[in-house]
Every structure is written in structure tokens, then in C-alpha cells.
Amino acid sequence: MKEETKKFIKELLQGGYRASAIGLSLVLAILIGFGLGYWLSIIFDNRIFIYIGLIMGIIAGFRNLYLMGKRYK
């Protein structure tokens, strides 16, 4: 195999890993925030915690997205 082809395949695999790590980080942050908000809403019997947890999860997810994008740049 040519050296150029090996380099291309290596960069392609690394790029796929980065993209999946960024997507997974975003989704997990949102799910964790929602889960904590849901748990708190059950404990305190107040639905506002679901919304607060979801908003905090979205903020954390996009913060992770920004930091990972900045690191890979």
C-alpha cells in the first residue's frame, strides 16, 4: 500500500473517532442533565427540576462541544 493511502486511512479513522466522541459527549451531557433533573423532580415533587436539568445539560453539552472543537483545531 502506498504511504499516501496509509496516511489517508489513518486520518480518516482518527477523524471518525473525533466526530463520534464529540457527538457522544453532547448527547451524554444532555441525558445526564435530564436524568438528574428528573430524579430531583421525583424527590421534591416539582417539575421545574426537569427543565432546569435539561437546560443545564444542554449548556454543558455545547460547552463540551466548544472545548473539544477548540482542542482539535
Protein backbone atom coordinates (compact mmCIF):
# COMPACT_ATOMS: atom_id res chain seq x y z
CA MET A 1 0.00 0.00 0.00
CA LYS A 2 1.26 3.47 -0.81
CA GLU A 3 2.36 5.71 2.03
CA GLU A 4 -0.21 8.35 0.98
CA THR A 5 -3.01 5.80 1.20
CA LYS A 6 -1.93 4.69 4.67
CA LYS A 7 -1.80 8.30 5.83
CA PHE A 8 -5.27 8.99 4.38
CA ILE A 9 -6.79 5.94 6.09
CA LYS A 10 -5.17 6.85 9.41
CA GLU A 11 -6.52 10.43 9.26
CA LEU A 12 -9.96 9.16 8.24
CA LEU A 13 -10.14 6.80 11.22
CA GLN A 14 -8.95 9.48 13.64
CA GLY A 15 -11.47 11.95 12.26
CA GLY A 16 -14.30 9.45 12.71
CA TYR A 17 -13.24 8.89 16.30
CA ARG A 18 -13.25 12.62 16.97
CA ALA A 19 -16.66 13.13 15.40
CA SER A 20 -18.21 10.30 17.37
CA ALA A 21 -16.57 11.49 20.61
CA ILE A 22 -17.95 14.99 20.09
CA GLY A 23 -21.46 13.68 19.35
CA LEU A 24 -21.41 11.26 22.25
CA SER A 25 -20.21 13.99 24.61
CA LEU A 26 -23.08 16.25 23.57
CA VAL A 27 -25.75 13.57 23.93
CA LEU A 28 -24.45 12.22 27.25
CA ALA A 29 -24.31 15.67 28.83
CA ILE A 30 -27.93 16.32 27.86
CA LEU A 31 -29.08 12.92 29.10
CA ILE A 32 -27.23 13.26 32.41
CA GLY A 33 -28.70 16.73 32.97
CA PHE A 34 -32.19 15.47 32.19
CA GLY A 35 -31.72 12.40 34.39
CA LEU A 36 -30.59 14.45 37.37
CA GLY A 37 -33.45 16.88 36.85
CA TYR A 38 -35.92 14.01 36.64
CA TRP A 39 -34.52 12.45 39.80
CA LEU A 40 -34.76 15.76 41.67
CA SER A 41 -38.30 16.30 40.40
CA ILE A 42 -39.32 12.94 41.87
CA ILE A 43 -37.67 13.70 45.21
CA PHE A 44 -39.08 17.23 45.57
CA ASP A 45 -42.32 16.61 43.62
CA ASN A 46 -41.74 19.64 41.39
CA ARG A 47 -41.42 19.51 37.60
CA ILE A 48 -39.24 22.60 37.39
CA PHE A 49 -36.18 20.47 38.12
CA ILE A 50 -36.66 18.55 34.86
CA TYR A 51 -36.46 21.78 32.89
CA ILE A 52 -33.54 23.12 34.90
CA GLY A 53 -31.64 19.85 34.48
CA LEU A 54 -32.37 19.75 30.75
CA ILE A 55 -31.21 23.34 30.25
CA MET A 56 -28.06 22.73 32.30
CA GLY A 57 -27.38 19.55 30.30
CA ILE A 58 -27.74 21.42 27.01
CA ILE A 59 -25.41 24.16 28.22
CA ALA A 60 -22.85 21.58 29.41
CA GLY A 61 -23.12 19.67 26.13
CA PHE A 62 -22.47 22.72 23.99
CA ARG A 63 -19.64 23.75 26.30
CA ASN A 64 -18.07 20.32 25.74
CA LEU A 65 -18.63 20.72 22.02
CA TYR A 66 -16.87 24.09 22.05
CA LEU A 67 -13.91 22.87 24.12
CA MET A 68 -13.40 19.72 22.04
CA GLY A 69 -13.61 21.71 18.82
CA LYS A 70 -11.07 24.16 20.16
CA ARG A 71 -8.75 21.30 21.18
CA TYR A 72 -8.93 19.55 17.79
CA LYS A 73 -8.45 22.74 15.80
